[in-house]
């Protein structure tokens, strides 16, 4: 028997087809793609969603590119780079590159971009991506230096990912709002239409430079935001979508049996976790200030069953506030194996023999979040479940108004522990613990030039985070991609849809 969701999708597909839905076909050289989550702003520095990362890699370029298969760093907008000293990087820039609006790329663009996003007053959404940079300096038209605030050996990794270069003249006038409505980059695709949060149309950049990203082979990418997975499925069946991703495991398994679709499962760097208000920002009397309550939450949840029953694929249980492959992500930490009786005992010791009630927030994967709340309810932690849009929940988190929340983080696909553990445990707006000892260890780990010292201090910080149960790490994610057989695509483990590697069969 087919699943309820699959039956609903098939029924909706029949309605769409009978209503004359537009059929996607490669004759128009347009790939039709669905996003599930609304993208709050296309400007890559003013959103922090995975959809934003996908758009960033398509529209803009960075100075450096990391090959997702070999992890080799290659020149993109820069052709060469070297460390002048421990806090200064010098880049030789690629000549002959133009932005989508015809503005030539040169050192002025790098200087403007870096100086703008590195200034916290300008409000870049994910400060961790940019706050290690102090400023940029023009040496000549095609030579530039980036000055760091302190030693930061992960600089090359960050420059190969979330740090994109913007046109200085255009951005000075348009700003983040203008860039969000009419994005201009040097990337392989240029944007021809934006309906904020709903619809984005990309067109191949025929003048794209000789980038390691590769030149596009599909001319047009039409992206629509379709929050409901049944509607996405219906449009896939009716032919008005060519590719969907982040497909639930049960649906992916059934679609894999159908000849007209290709289903691909790939691991990702995304980690799901519960963050608890150990610092008491949401309420000075919150139960989560007590380590015994936080430990109880950790013991209450059967992670192995969640992975086996819901995530499946290449997902795995995670015990750390970072992804295992990231440099410095210590794995020898305290584990909280499923033990509901121990959880109840700890709650009683903390003064909650009958449990307590708390608001519980999530923004994605309702079925995962609801399963987690069932485990919490079973040990006496009764939850008022609140499902919000990502941007709304992020704002509440930044204000410190959330007692416990199910979150995920993909680290912008940066393979360094600083991209996750330092993002959430260095007293920033999203730090729910505010532990000075952790902060001091991370400061050393982030700035040490000796890899062994970095590993030592990341290990100290991560072990303390686990011992204090500031988070309840859950699992790593995998992503199911479903696309029509006429689409040729091989997903990569970094959870980035690379349109330049897609082609028609």
Protein backbone atom coordinates (compact mmCIF):
# COMPACT_ATOMS: atom_id res chain seq x y z
CA UNK A 1 0.00 0.00 0.00
CA UNK A 2 1.29 3.45 -0.89
CA UNK A 3 1.87 5.95 1.89
CA UNK A 4 -0.76 8.57 2.66
CA UNK A 5 1.54 11.33 1.46
CA UNK A 6 2.22 9.56 -1.82
CA UNK A 7 -1.50 8.96 -2.42
CA UNK A 8 -2.18 12.63 -1.71
CA UNK A 9 0.54 13.66 -4.14
CA UNK A 10 -0.79 11.37 -6.86
CA UNK A 11 -4.31 12.73 -6.40
CA UNK A 12 -3.06 16.30 -6.58
CA UNK A 13 -1.04 15.45 -9.69
CA UNK A 14 -4.19 14.22 -11.39
CA UNK A 15 -5.94 17.50 -10.61
CA UNK A 16 -3.01 19.54 -11.87
CA UNK A 17 -2.82 17.59 -15.10
CA UNK A 18 -6.56 17.84 -15.75
CA UNK A 19 -6.37 21.57 -15.07
CA UNK A 20 -3.76 21.97 -17.80
CA UNK A 21 -0.64 22.42 -15.68
CA UNK A 22 2.41 23.56 -17.61
CA UNK A 23 4.69 20.67 -18.47
CA UNK A 24 8.39 21.20 -18.02
CA UNK A 25 10.48 19.92 -20.90
CA UNK A 26 14.12 20.18 -21.78
CA UNK A 27 13.21 21.61 -25.19
CA UNK A 28 12.83 24.94 -23.38
CA UNK A 29 16.21 24.38 -21.69
CA UNK A 30 14.62 25.28 -18.34
CA UNK A 31 15.15 23.24 -15.21
CA UNK A 32 12.26 23.64 -12.78
CA UNK A 33 13.24 23.33 -9.12
CA UNK A 34 11.35 23.64 -5.81
CA UNK A 35 12.55 25.18 -2.56
CA UNK A 36 10.69 24.21 0.61
CA UNK A 37 11.68 27.13 2.82
CA UNK A 38 11.12 30.78 2.04
CA UNK A 39 14.33 32.67 1.33
CA UNK A 40 14.14 35.88 3.36
CA UNK A 41 16.65 37.82 1.25
CA UNK A 42 18.67 36.66 -1.76
CA UNK A 43 21.59 38.83 -0.61
CA UNK A 44 23.92 36.10 0.61
CA UNK A 45 25.12 38.10 3.63
CA UNK A 46 21.59 38.68 4.87
CA UNK A 47 20.20 35.18 5.03
CA UNK A 48 21.48 32.03 6.70
CA UNK A 49 19.36 29.32 5.09
CA UNK A 50 20.57 26.46 2.93
CA UNK A 51 18.52 27.85 0.06
CA UNK A 52 20.54 31.03 0.42
CA UNK A 53 23.78 29.05 0.17
CA UNK A 54 22.54 27.44 -3.05
CA UNK A 55 21.72 30.82 -4.55
CA UNK A 56 25.01 32.30 -3.35
CA UNK A 57 27.08 29.66 -5.15
CA UNK A 58 25.09 30.15 -8.36
CA UNK A 59 25.03 33.97 -8.51
CA UNK A 60 28.28 35.07 -6.87
CA UNK A 61 31.89 33.96 -6.71
CA UNK A 62 34.45 34.02 -3.95
CA UNK A 63 38.17 34.56 -4.25
CA UNK A 64 38.82 30.85 -3.68
CA UNK A 65 36.92 27.65 -4.50
CA UNK A 66 37.13 24.33 -2.66
CA UNK A 67 36.57 21.30 -4.87
CA UNK A 68 33.84 19.25 -3.11
CA UNK A 69 35.34 15.97 -4.34
CA UNK A 70 39.03 16.52 -3.56
CA UNK A 71 38.83 19.38 -1.00
CA UNK A 72 41.57 21.09 -3.01
CA UNK A 73 41.57 24.89 -2.90
CA UNK A 74 41.58 26.50 -6.33
CA UNK A 75 41.64 30.07 -7.53
CA UNK A 76 38.33 31.59 -8.56
CA UNK A 77 38.24 35.41 -8.53
CA UNK A 78 41.79 35.19 -7.24
CA UNK A 79 44.50 33.44 -9.23
CA UNK A 80 47.03 33.24 -6.39
CA UNK A 81 47.32 34.03 -2.69
CA UNK A 82 49.92 34.03 0.07
CA UNK A 83 50.24 34.82 3.75
CA UNK A 84 52.25 38.03 4.17
CA UNK A 85 52.21 37.50 7.94
CA UNK A 86 49.97 35.74 10.47
CA UNK A 87 47.13 38.23 9.96
CA UNK A 88 47.53 39.37 6.36
CA UNK A 89 46.55 37.56 3.17
CA UNK A 90 47.51 38.93 -0.25
CA UNK A 91 45.57 37.99 -3.38
CA UNK A 92 46.31 38.38 -7.07
CA UNK A 93 42.95 38.89 -8.77
CA UNK A 94 41.69 37.47 -12.03
CA UNK A 95 41.60 40.05 -14.80
CA UNK A 96 38.90 40.38 -17.45
CA UNK A 97 35.97 39.38 -15.19
CA UNK A 98 32.75 41.41 -15.31
CA UNK A 99 29.69 41.46 -13.10
CA UNK A 100 26.29 40.67 -14.56
CA UNK A 101 25.59 44.39 -14.99
CA UNK A 102 28.79 44.95 -16.94
CA UNK A 103 30.77 46.48 -14.06
CA UNK A 104 34.40 45.25 -14.26
CA UNK A 105 35.71 43.25 -11.32
CA UNK A 106 38.86 44.57 -9.62
CA UNK A 107 40.41 45.29 -6.23
CA UNK A 108 37.89 48.04 -5.47
CA UNK A 109 35.12 45.42 -5.31
CA UNK A 110 37.03 43.23 -2.87
CA UNK A 111 37.91 46.17 -0.65
CA UNK A 112 34.34 47.47 -0.58
CA UNK A 113 32.80 44.04 0.04
CA UNK A 114 35.16 43.06 2.85
CA UNK A 115 35.04 46.44 4.58
CA UNK A 116 31.24 46.49 4.40
CA UNK A 117 30.48 42.99 5.67
CA UNK A 118 33.26 43.02 8.29
CA UNK A 119 31.69 46.05 9.95
CA UNK A 120 29.21 44.65 12.52
CA UNK A 121 27.17 47.85 12.25
CA UNK A 122 26.07 46.72 8.78
CA UNK A 123 24.41 43.64 10.27
CA UNK A 124 25.58 40.68 8.21
CA UNK A 125 23.28 37.88 9.34
CA UNK A 126 25.92 35.27 10.22
CA UNK A 127 28.67 37.25 11.88
CA UNK A 128 30.86 34.18 12.28
CA UNK A 129 31.37 34.11 8.50
CA UNK A 130 32.86 37.61 8.39
CA UNK A 131 33.82 38.88 11.85
CA UNK A 132 37.35 37.46 11.64
CA UNK A 133 38.18 40.02 8.94
CA UNK A 134 39.34 43.48 9.97
CA UNK A 135 39.61 45.25 6.60
CA UNK A 136 40.84 45.03 3.02
CA UNK A 137 43.50 47.14 1.36
CA UNK A 138 44.04 47.84 -2.34
CA UNK A 139 47.64 47.41 -3.47
CA UNK A 140 46.87 47.94 -7.16
CA UNK A 141 43.92 47.25 -9.45
CA UNK A 142 44.44 43.49 -9.28
CA UNK A 143 46.21 43.02 -5.98
CA UNK A 144 44.50 43.24 -2.62
CA UNK A 145 45.29 42.40 0.97
CA UNK A 146 42.79 41.19 3.58
CA UNK A 147 43.76 42.04 7.15
CA UNK A 148 42.50 39.76 9.92
CA UNK A 149 41.55 40.87 13.42
CA UNK A 150 43.62 38.07 14.88
CA UNK A 151 45.28 34.89 13.72
CA UNK A 152 42.63 32.77 12.03
CA UNK A 153 44.00 29.72 10.22
CA UNK A 154 40.54 28.80 8.89
CA UNK A 155 40.51 31.97 6.77
CA UNK A 156 41.12 30.14 3.47
CA UNK A 157 38.26 27.74 4.20
CA UNK A 158 35.85 30.61 4.90
CA UNK A 159 37.01 32.51 1.82
CA UNK A 160 36.24 29.45 -0.28
CA UNK A 161 32.67 29.36 0.99
CA UNK A 162 30.38 32.11 2.30
CA UNK A 163 32.53 35.16 1.46
CA UNK A 164 31.31 36.36 -1.95
CA UNK A 165 32.52 39.43 -3.81
CA UNK A 166 30.04 42.16 -4.69
CA UNK A 167 30.24 45.05 -7.22
CA UNK A 168 31.25 48.11 -5.22
CA UNK A 169 29.47 50.74 -7.30
CA UNK A 170 26.19 48.83 -7.50
CA UNK A 171 26.16 47.68 -3.86
CA UNK A 172 27.01 51.14 -2.53
CA UNK A 173 23.78 52.36 -4.11
CA UNK A 174 21.52 49.31 -3.87
CA UNK A 175 22.48 47.97 -0.43
CA UNK A 176 21.19 44.64 0.90
CA UNK A 177 17.55 45.36 -0.01
CA UNK A 178 18.42 46.30 -3.58
CA UNK A 179 20.77 43.35 -3.94
CA UNK A 180 18.00 41.08 -2.65
CA UNK A 181 15.57 42.30 -5.32
CA UNK A 182 18.06 42.52 -8.18
CA UNK A 183 21.11 40.39 -7.37
CA UNK A 184 24.30 41.17 -9.30
CA UNK A 185 27.32 38.91 -9.13
CA UNK A 186 30.03 37.38 -11.31
CA UNK A 187 28.70 33.84 -10.93
CA UNK A 188 27.71 31.21 -13.49
CA UNK A 189 24.06 32.27 -13.37
CA UNK A 190 22.52 35.72 -13.43
CA UNK A 191 19.10 36.53 -11.98
CA UNK A 192 16.38 37.67 -14.34
CA UNK A 193 13.39 37.63 -11.97
CA UNK A 194 12.80 37.80 -8.22
CA UNK A 195 9.48 37.54 -6.46
CA UNK A 196 10.69 37.79 -2.85
CA UNK A 197 10.35 34.51 -1.02
CA UNK A 198 8.40 32.89 -3.84
CA UNK A 199 10.02 32.75 -7.26
CA UNK A 200 13.51 33.13 -8.73
CA UNK A 201 14.55 32.78 -12.34
CA UNK A 202 18.21 32.30 -13.27
CA UNK A 203 19.83 32.46 -16.69
CA UNK A 204 23.24 31.12 -17.68
CA UNK A 205 25.95 33.74 -17.70
CA UNK A 206 27.30 33.38 -21.24
CA UNK A 207 30.31 35.53 -20.34
CA UNK A 208 31.27 33.46 -17.30
CA UNK A 209 35.00 33.34 -16.70
CA UNK A 210 37.19 30.26 -16.55
CA UNK A 211 36.12 29.26 -13.06
CA UNK A 212 36.62 25.90 -11.33
CA UNK A 213 32.84 25.89 -10.82
CA UNK A 214 32.50 25.15 -14.54
CA UNK A 215 30.29 26.79 -17.13
CA UNK A 216 26.53 26.13 -17.09
CA UNK A 217 25.09 23.65 -19.56
CA UNK A 218 21.42 24.26 -18.72
CA UNK A 219 20.35 27.73 -19.80
CA UNK A 220 17.54 28.55 -17.36
CA UNK A 221 16.80 27.59 -13.76
CA UNK A 222 13.26 28.33 -12.54
CA UNK A 223 12.95 28.07 -8.75
CA UNK A 224 9.66 28.28 -6.87
CA UNK A 225 9.03 28.14 -3.13
CA UNK A 226 6.57 25.31 -2.47
CA UNK A 227 6.40 24.61 1.29
CA UNK A 228 4.12 21.57 1.08
CA UNK A 229 5.88 18.35 0.08
CA UNK A 230 2.65 16.87 -1.31
CA UNK A 231 2.34 19.79 -3.70
CA UNK A 232 5.96 19.36 -4.75
CA UNK A 233 5.31 15.68 -5.39
CA UNK A 234 2.19 16.47 -7.36
CA UNK A 235 4.07 18.86 -9.61
CA UNK A 236 6.87 16.35 -10.07
CA UNK A 237 4.32 13.78 -11.24
CA UNK A 238 2.49 16.26 -13.46
CA UNK A 239 5.72 17.36 -15.10
CA UNK A 240 5.90 20.97 -13.94
CA UNK A 241 8.90 20.25 -11.70
CA UNK A 242 12.11 18.52 -12.73
CA UNK A 243 13.94 18.33 -9.42
CA UNK A 244 13.04 18.40 -5.74
CA UNK A 245 15.29 17.87 -2.75
CA UNK A 246 15.14 17.37 1.01
CA UNK A 247 12.49 14.73 0.28
CA UNK A 248 11.32 12.70 3.33
CA UNK A 249 12.82 9.21 3.47
CA UNK A 250 9.53 7.33 3.18
CA UNK A 251 8.59 9.14 -0.02
CA UNK A 252 12.08 8.81 -1.47
CA UNK A 253 12.02 5.07 -0.93
CA UNK A 254 8.77 4.72 -2.86
CA UNK A 255 9.80 7.08 -5.64
CA UNK A 256 12.96 5.03 -6.13
CA UNK A 257 10.77 2.16 -7.40
CA UNK A 258 9.33 4.32 -10.20
CA UNK A 259 11.18 4.22 -13.50
CA UNK A 260 10.61 7.87 -14.45
CA UNK A 261 12.59 9.23 -11.49
CA UNK A 262 16.14 9.10 -10.20
CA UNK A 263 16.49 9.15 -6.41
CA UNK A 264 19.85 9.95 -4.90
CA UNK A 265 20.68 9.98 -1.19
CA UNK A 266 23.74 11.88 -0.01
CA UNK A 267 25.15 12.73 3.41
CA UNK A 268 25.42 16.34 4.51
CA UNK A 269 27.30 18.38 7.11
CA UNK A 270 24.00 19.44 8.66
CA UNK A 271 23.52 18.58 12.35
CA UNK A 272 20.19 18.55 14.17
CA UNK A 273 20.24 19.47 17.85
CA UNK A 274 18.26 20.78 20.81
CA UNK A 275 19.52 24.07 22.22
CA UNK A 276 18.53 24.80 25.82
CA UNK A 277 18.53 28.13 27.62
CA UNK A 278 21.25 27.34 30.13
CA UNK A 279 22.04 31.05 30.51
CA UNK A 280 18.48 31.92 31.59
CA UNK A 281 17.96 34.52 28.87
CA UNK A 282 14.32 33.59 28.29
CA UNK A 283 13.50 33.41 32.00
CA UNK A 284 15.80 33.72 35.05
CA UNK A 285 13.87 30.82 36.59
CA UNK A 286 13.93 28.52 33.56
CA UNK A 287 14.50 24.86 34.49
CA UNK A 288 17.18 24.62 31.80
CA UNK A 289 19.65 26.55 33.96
CA UNK A 290 19.97 23.32 35.99
CA UNK A 291 22.49 20.87 34.53
CA UNK A 292 20.37 17.96 35.77
CA UNK A 293 17.45 19.11 33.64
CA UNK A 294 19.67 19.47 30.59
CA UNK A 295 21.11 16.01 31.20
CA UNK A 296 17.58 14.65 31.59
CA UNK A 297 16.68 16.03 28.17
CA UNK A 298 19.73 14.28 26.71
CA UNK A 299 18.89 10.94 28.33
CA UNK A 300 15.22 11.17 27.37
CA UNK A 301 15.67 10.82 23.61
CA UNK A 302 16.33 7.65 21.65
CA UNK A 303 18.56 9.00 18.91
CA UNK A 304 19.25 5.61 17.34
CA UNK A 305 15.55 4.98 16.78
CA UNK A 306 15.01 8.46 15.34
CA UNK A 307 17.77 7.90 12.79
CA UNK A 308 16.61 4.39 11.89
CA UNK A 309 12.90 5.21 11.66
CA UNK A 310 12.82 8.75 10.30
CA UNK A 311 16.07 9.94 8.75
CA UNK A 312 17.47 6.69 7.33
CA UNK A 313 19.93 6.99 4.45
CA UNK A 314 23.42 8.15 5.40
CA UNK A 315 22.43 9.89 8.64
CA UNK A 316 24.15 9.02 11.90
CA UNK A 317 23.81 9.80 15.61
CA UNK A 318 25.87 12.85 16.62
CA UNK A 319 27.10 13.66 20.13
CA UNK A 320 28.95 16.88 19.42
CA UNK A 321 28.07 20.52 18.57
CA UNK A 322 29.83 20.11 15.21
CA UNK A 323 29.99 17.67 12.29
CA UNK A 324 32.47 14.78 12.74
CA UNK A 325 34.48 15.54 9.57
CA UNK A 326 35.15 19.14 10.58
CA UNK A 327 38.70 19.90 11.67
CA UNK A 328 38.84 19.97 15.47
CA UNK A 329 35.46 18.28 16.02
CA UNK A 330 36.42 16.10 19.01
CA UNK A 331 34.45 12.82 19.09
CA UNK A 332 35.60 11.41 22.43
CA UNK A 333 32.91 13.15 24.48
CA UNK A 334 30.25 12.17 26.99
CA UNK A 335 27.40 10.16 25.44
CA UNK A 336 23.88 10.27 26.81
CA UNK A 337 22.46 6.93 25.78
CA UNK A 338 18.69 6.52 25.88
CA UNK A 339 17.67 6.07 29.52
CA UNK A 340 14.23 7.52 30.35
CA UNK A 341 14.34 6.29 33.95
CA UNK A 342 17.59 8.12 34.54
CA UNK A 343 16.01 11.21 32.96
CA UNK A 344 13.08 11.04 35.38
CA UNK A 345 15.44 10.59 38.34
CA UNK A 346 17.48 13.63 37.32
CA UNK A 347 14.32 15.73 36.97
CA UNK A 348 13.23 14.70 40.44
CA UNK A 349 16.64 15.58 41.86
CA UNK A 350 16.36 19.00 40.20
CA UNK A 351 13.03 19.62 41.97
CA UNK A 352 10.66 18.50 39.21
CA UNK A 353 9.36 15.08 40.33
CA UNK A 354 6.20 15.69 38.30
CA UNK A 355 8.04 17.31 35.42
CA UNK A 356 7.28 20.76 34.05
CA UNK A 357 5.82 22.49 31.01
CA UNK A 358 7.83 24.47 28.49
CA UNK A 359 7.43 26.10 25.09
CA UNK A 360 9.22 24.07 22.44
CA UNK A 361 10.14 25.65 19.10
CA UNK A 362 11.04 24.26 15.69
CA UNK A 363 11.17 25.52 12.12
CA UNK A 364 11.59 22.40 9.95
CA UNK A 365 11.01 18.64 9.90
CA UNK A 366 7.85 18.72 11.98
CA UNK A 367 7.80 14.93 12.15
CA UNK A 368 11.31 14.85 13.66
CA UNK A 369 10.48 17.63 16.12
CA UNK A 370 7.20 16.02 17.17
CA UNK A 371 8.93 12.68 17.73
CA UNK A 372 11.44 14.43 20.00
CA UNK A 373 8.65 16.07 21.99
CA UNK A 374 7.02 12.67 22.51
CA UNK A 375 10.20 11.45 24.17
CA UNK A 376 10.31 14.57 26.35
CA UNK A 377 6.64 14.24 27.28
CA UNK A 378 7.26 10.63 28.30
CA UNK A 379 9.67 11.67 31.07
CA UNK A 380 7.50 14.55 32.29
CA UNK A 381 8.71 17.50 30.19
CA UNK A 382 5.42 18.63 28.70
CA UNK A 383 5.80 20.78 25.59
CA UNK A 384 3.79 23.56 24.00
CA UNK A 385 4.82 22.93 20.41
CA UNK A 386 5.40 26.04 18.29
CA UNK A 387 6.31 25.73 14.59
CA UNK A 388 7.64 28.96 13.06
CA UNK A 389 9.23 30.15 9.85
CA UNK A 390 13.03 29.97 10.04
CA UNK A 391 13.56 33.74 9.94
CA UNK A 392 11.00 34.32 12.72
CA UNK A 393 12.51 31.67 14.98
CA UNK A 394 16.01 32.96 14.33
CA UNK A 395 14.96 36.43 15.50
CA UNK A 396 13.47 34.99 18.70
CA UNK A 397 16.66 33.01 19.30
CA UNK A 398 18.80 36.09 18.80
CA UNK A 399 16.69 37.95 21.35
CA UNK A 400 17.10 35.09 23.84
CA UNK A 401 13.36 34.39 24.07
CA UNK A 402 13.42 30.63 23.44
CA UNK A 403 13.70 28.09 26.31
CA UNK A 404 14.29 25.00 24.13
CA UNK A 405 14.33 24.57 20.39
CA UNK A 406 15.01 21.97 17.74
CA UNK A 407 17.46 23.51 15.29
CA UNK A 408 19.80 22.48 12.52
CA UNK A 409 23.03 23.95 11.21
CA UNK A 410 24.87 23.13 8.00
CA UNK A 411 27.98 25.25 8.75
CA UNK A 412 27.76 26.81 5.28
CA UNK A 413 29.53 23.57 4.26
CA UNK A 414 32.74 24.82 5.95
CA UNK A 415 34.82 21.85 7.03
CA UNK A 416 36.17 23.42 10.22
CA UNK A 417 34.74 23.21 13.76
CA UNK A 418 34.88 26.99 14.07
CA UNK A 419 31.99 27.19 11.61
CA UNK A 420 29.66 25.54 14.11
CA UNK A 421 30.94 25.34 17.68
CA UNK A 422 32.37 28.87 17.54
CA UNK A 423 29.20 30.11 15.87
CA UNK A 424 27.08 29.12 18.87
CA UNK A 425 29.35 29.19 21.92
CA UNK A 426 31.26 32.48 21.81
CA UNK A 427 28.75 34.72 23.60
CA UNK A 428 27.07 35.85 20.39
CA UNK A 429 23.34 36.45 20.05
CA UNK A 430 22.70 32.73 19.47
CA UNK A 431 24.76 31.47 22.43
CA UNK A 432 22.36 29.85 24.90
CA UNK A 433 25.01 28.94 27.51
CA UNK A 434 27.37 31.96 27.81
CA UNK A 435 30.12 29.84 29.37
CA UNK A 436 33.31 31.89 29.89
CA UNK A 437 35.51 28.78 30.05
CA UNK A 438 34.23 27.58 26.69
CA UNK A 439 34.71 31.05 25.25
CA UNK A 440 38.34 31.22 26.39
CA UNK A 441 39.13 27.79 24.91
CA UNK A 442 37.48 28.65 21.61
CA UNK A 443 39.35 31.94 21.39
CA UNK A 444 42.61 30.01 21.52
CA UNK A 445 41.41 27.30 19.14
CA UNK A 446 40.18 29.79 16.56
CA UNK A 447 43.40 31.82 16.49
CA UNK A 448 46.19 29.29 17.03
CA UNK A 449 48.36 28.64 13.98
CA UNK A 450 49.57 25.28 15.26
CA UNK A 451 47.00 22.62 14.23
CA UNK A 452 47.74 20.56 17.33
CA UNK A 453 46.97 23.52 19.59
CA UNK A 454 43.75 24.14 17.68
CA UNK A 455 42.72 20.52 18.16
CA UNK A 456 43.61 20.60 21.85
CA UNK A 457 41.48 23.62 22.64
CA UNK A 458 38.54 22.64 20.44
CA UNK A 459 38.63 19.34 22.30
CA UNK A 460 38.52 21.11 25.67
CA UNK A 461 35.61 23.30 24.63
CA UNK A 462 33.60 20.49 23.06
CA UNK A 463 34.12 18.14 26.00
CA UNK A 464 32.92 20.84 28.40
CA UNK A 465 29.86 21.56 26.25
CA UNK A 466 29.01 17.84 26.33
CA UNK A 467 29.70 17.47 30.07
CA UNK A 468 27.51 20.48 30.87
CA UNK A 469 24.82 19.22 28.45
CA UNK A 470 24.34 22.70 27.03
CA UNK A 471 22.93 21.09 23.90
CA UNK A 472 21.38 17.77 23.09
CA UNK A 473 23.01 16.94 19.73
CA UNK A 474 20.78 14.58 17.77
CA UNK A 475 21.93 13.42 14.36
CA UNK A 476 23.49 14.35 11.07
CA UNK A 477 21.22 14.83 8.09
CA UNK A 478 21.16 13.24 4.71
CA UNK A 479 19.38 14.68 1.70
CA UNK A 480 17.19 12.84 -0.77
CA UNK A 481 17.20 14.32 -4.26
CA UNK A 482 14.51 13.27 -6.71
CA UNK A 483 14.70 14.29 -10.35
CA UNK A 484 13.31 13.21 -13.66
CA UNK A 485 15.34 10.70 -15.66
CA UNK A 486 16.08 13.28 -18.33
CA UNK A 487 18.12 15.22 -15.73
CA UNK A 488 21.75 14.22 -15.16
CA UNK A 489 23.03 15.20 -11.72
CA UNK A 490 25.36 13.80 -9.07
CA UNK A 491 24.82 15.44 -5.64
CA UNK A 492 27.77 16.29 -3.41
CA UNK A 493 28.08 15.75 0.38
CA UNK A 494 28.10 19.48 1.14
CA UNK A 495 24.33 19.92 0.58
CA UNK A 496 24.77 22.48 -2.20
CA UNK A 497 22.68 22.22 -5.36
CA UNK A 498 25.28 22.96 -8.03
CA UNK A 499 23.39 23.99 -11.14
CA UNK A 500 26.60 24.12 -13.17
CA UNK A 501 27.03 20.35 -12.77
CA UNK A 502 23.49 19.58 -13.97
CA UNK A 503 22.79 18.61 -17.58
CA UNK A 504 20.12 17.03 -19.73
CA UNK A 505 20.38 13.36 -20.62
